[in-house]
C-alpha atoms as a PDB file:
ATOM      1  CA  MET A   1     130.187  94.335  79.653  1.00  0.00           C
ATOM      2  CA  TYR A   2     128.420  96.203  81.387  1.00  0.00           C
ATOM      3  CA  SER A   3     127.371  95.874  84.988  1.00  0.00           C
ATOM      4  CA  PRO A   4     124.857  97.801  87.063  1.00  0.00           C
ATOM      5  CA  ALA A   5     126.386 100.919  89.342  1.00  0.00           C
ATOM      6  CA  PRO A   6     126.475  99.848  92.576  1.00  0.00           C
ATOM      7  CA  TRP A   7     125.437 103.107  93.975  1.00  0.00           C
ATOM      8  CA  VAL A   8     121.997 104.567  92.921  1.00  0.00           C
ATOM      9  CA  THR A   9     119.889 107.348  93.941  1.00  0.00           C
ATOM     10  CA  GLN A  10     116.886 107.182  96.408  1.00  0.00           C
ATOM     11  CA  ARG A  11     114.487 107.570  93.190  1.00  0.00           C
ATOM     12  CA  GLU A  12     116.088 104.930  91.107  1.00  0.00           C
ATOM     13  CA  ALA A  13     116.240 102.380  94.701  1.00  0.00           C
ATOM     14  CA  ALA A  14     112.817 103.117  95.597  1.00  0.00           C
ATOM     15  CA  VAL A  15     111.957 101.589  91.808  1.00  0.00           C
ATOM     16  CA  ALA A  16     114.410  98.826  91.835  1.00  0.00           C
ATOM     17  CA  LEU A  17     113.123  97.624  95.534  1.00  0.00           C
ATOM     18  CA  ARG A  18     109.550  98.646  94.608  1.00  0.00           C
ATOM     19  CA  ILE A  19     108.771 100.448  97.546  1.00  0.00           C
ATOM     20  CA  SER A  20     108.408 104.121  97.874  1.00  0.00           C
ATOM     21  CA  GLU A  21     110.943 106.830  98.881  1.00  0.00           C
ATOM     22  CA  ARG A  22     109.654 107.635 102.729  1.00  0.00           C
ATOM     23  CA  SER A  23     109.668 103.516 103.203  1.00  0.00           C
ATOM     24  CA  LEU A  24     113.216 104.057 102.452  1.00  0.00           C
ATOM     25  CA  LEU A  25     113.889 106.734 104.923  1.00  0.00           C
ATOM     26  CA  ARG A  26     111.816 104.271 107.666  1.00  0.00           C
ATOM     27  CA  LEU A  27     114.293 101.636 107.096  1.00  0.00           C
ATOM     28  CA  ARG A  28     117.269 103.941 107.167  1.00  0.00           C
ATOM     29  CA  SER A  29     115.891 105.424 110.252  1.00  0.00           C
ATOM     30  CA  GLY A  30     114.698 102.156 112.163  1.00  0.00           C
ATOM     31  CA  GLY A  31     118.519 100.253 111.136  1.00  0.00           C
ATOM     32  CA  LEU A  32     117.067  97.905 109.079  1.00  0.00           C
ATOM     33  CA  LEU A  33     119.306  99.261 106.215  1.00  0.00           C
ATOM     34  CA  PRO A  34     122.920  99.907 108.028  1.00  0.00           C
ATOM     35  CA  VAL A  35     125.024 102.755 107.008  1.00  0.00           C
ATOM     36  CA  GLY A  36     127.890 102.075 104.901  1.00  0.00           C
ATOM     37  CA  LYS A  37     126.964  98.857 103.700  1.00  0.00           C
ATOM     38  CA  CYS A  38     123.109  99.861 102.108  1.00  0.00           C
ATOM     39  CA  TRP A  39     123.364 103.552 102.149  1.00  0.00           C
ATOM     40  CA  VAL A  40     126.016 106.155 102.195  1.00  0.00           C
ATOM     41  CA  ARG A  41     125.731 110.291 101.928  1.00  0.00           C
ATOM     42  CA  LYS A  42     126.434 112.160  98.768  1.00  0.00           C
ATOM     43  CA  VAL A  43     128.380 114.664 101.160  1.00  0.00           C
ATOM     44  CA  PRO A  44     129.404 112.712 104.351  1.00  0.00           C
ATOM     45  CA  ARG A  45     129.803 115.629 106.689  1.00  0.00           C
ATOM     46  CA  ASN A  46     126.540 117.246 105.750  1.00  0.00           C
ATOM     47  CA  HIS A  47     123.665 115.524 106.965  1.00  0.00           C
ATOM     48  CA  ASN A  48     121.234 116.950 104.918  1.00  0.00           C
ATOM     49  CA  SER A  49     122.994 115.622 102.011  1.00  0.00           C
ATOM     50  CA  HIS A  50     121.503 113.130  99.591  1.00  0.00           C
ATOM     51  CA  VAL A  51     121.736 109.448  99.719  1.00  0.00           C
ATOM     52  CA  LEU A  52     123.058 106.905  97.560  1.00  0.00           C
ATOM     53  CA  TYR A  53     121.791 102.916  98.022  1.00  0.00           C
ATOM     54  CA  ASP A  54     123.824  99.625  97.250  1.00  0.00           C
ATOM     55  CA  LEU A  55     120.995  97.713  95.728  1.00  0.00           C
ATOM     56  CA  ALA A  56     122.635  94.496  96.287  1.00  0.00           C
ATOM     57  CA  ALA A  57     122.996  95.149  99.958  1.00  0.00           C
ATOM     58  CA  CYS A  58     119.858  96.451 100.172  1.00  0.00           C
ATOM     59  CA  GLU A  59     118.368  93.407  98.376  1.00  0.00           C
ATOM     60  CA  TYR A  60     120.374  91.294 101.214  1.00  0.00           C
ATOM     61  CA  HIS A  61     119.132  92.947 104.149  1.00  0.00           C
ATOM     62  CA  LEU A  62     115.594  93.374 103.678  1.00  0.00           C
ATOM     63  CA  SER A  63     115.178  89.463 102.722  1.00  0.00           C
ATOM     64  CA  ALA A  64     117.086  88.803 105.815  1.00  0.00           C
ATOM     65  CA  ALA A  65     114.567  90.557 107.989  1.00  0.00           C
ATOM     66  CA  THR A  66     111.943  89.668 105.868  1.00  0.00           C
ATOM     67  CA  ILE A  67     112.955  85.836 106.511  1.00  0.00           C
ATOM     68  CA  ALA A  68     113.540  86.630 110.330  1.00  0.00           C
ATOM     69  CA  ALA A  69     110.080  88.120 110.776  1.00  0.00           C
ATOM     70  CA  LYS A  70     108.392  85.462 108.990  1.00  0.00           C
ATOM     71  CA  LEU A  71     110.198  82.809 111.439  1.00  0.00           C
ATOM     72  CA  GLU A  72     109.313  84.810 114.352  1.00  0.00           C
ATOM     73  CA  GLN A  73     105.564  84.671 113.354  1.00  0.00           C
ATOM     74  CA  ASP A  74     105.819  80.993 112.899  1.00  0.00           C
ATOM     75  CA  CYS A  75     107.512  80.232 116.519  1.00  0.00           C
ATOM     76  CA  LEU A  76     104.780  82.815 117.718  1.00  0.00           C
ATOM     77  CA  GLY A  77     101.816  81.309 116.120  1.00  0.00           C
ATOM     78  CA  HIS A  78     103.145  77.835 117.042  1.00  0.00           C
ATOM     79  CA  ARG A  79     103.700  79.314 120.810  1.00  0.00           C
ATOM     80  CA  ALA A  80      99.963  79.973 120.508  1.00  0.00           C
ATOM     81  CA  LEU A  81      98.612  76.802 119.458  1.00  0.00           C
ATOM     82  CA  GLU A  82     100.500  74.846 121.831  1.00  0.00           C
ATOM     83  CA  ALA A  83      98.920  77.301 124.940  1.00  0.00           C
ATOM     84  CA  VAL A  84      95.236  76.728 123.311  1.00  0.00           C
ATOM     85  CA  ALA A  85      95.567  72.965 123.243  1.00  0.00           C
END
């Protein structure tokens, strides 16, 4: 049986995750996609090397970050309503 490759290029990851390649860079730089788990460099010692992504790990970390952000917004909104009441 065929299974998808665990590591894909930046362009393939952007298409699969439905975000831009630049957004992937921002997510990497911001720490939302941890190095080694979500992405690695093709040539580890070269900081200008191409990046490969693990789609399953990226989806997991992005969904966890989304859930946490929504919970935080709900808590902040609830506190704002308590302050008004």
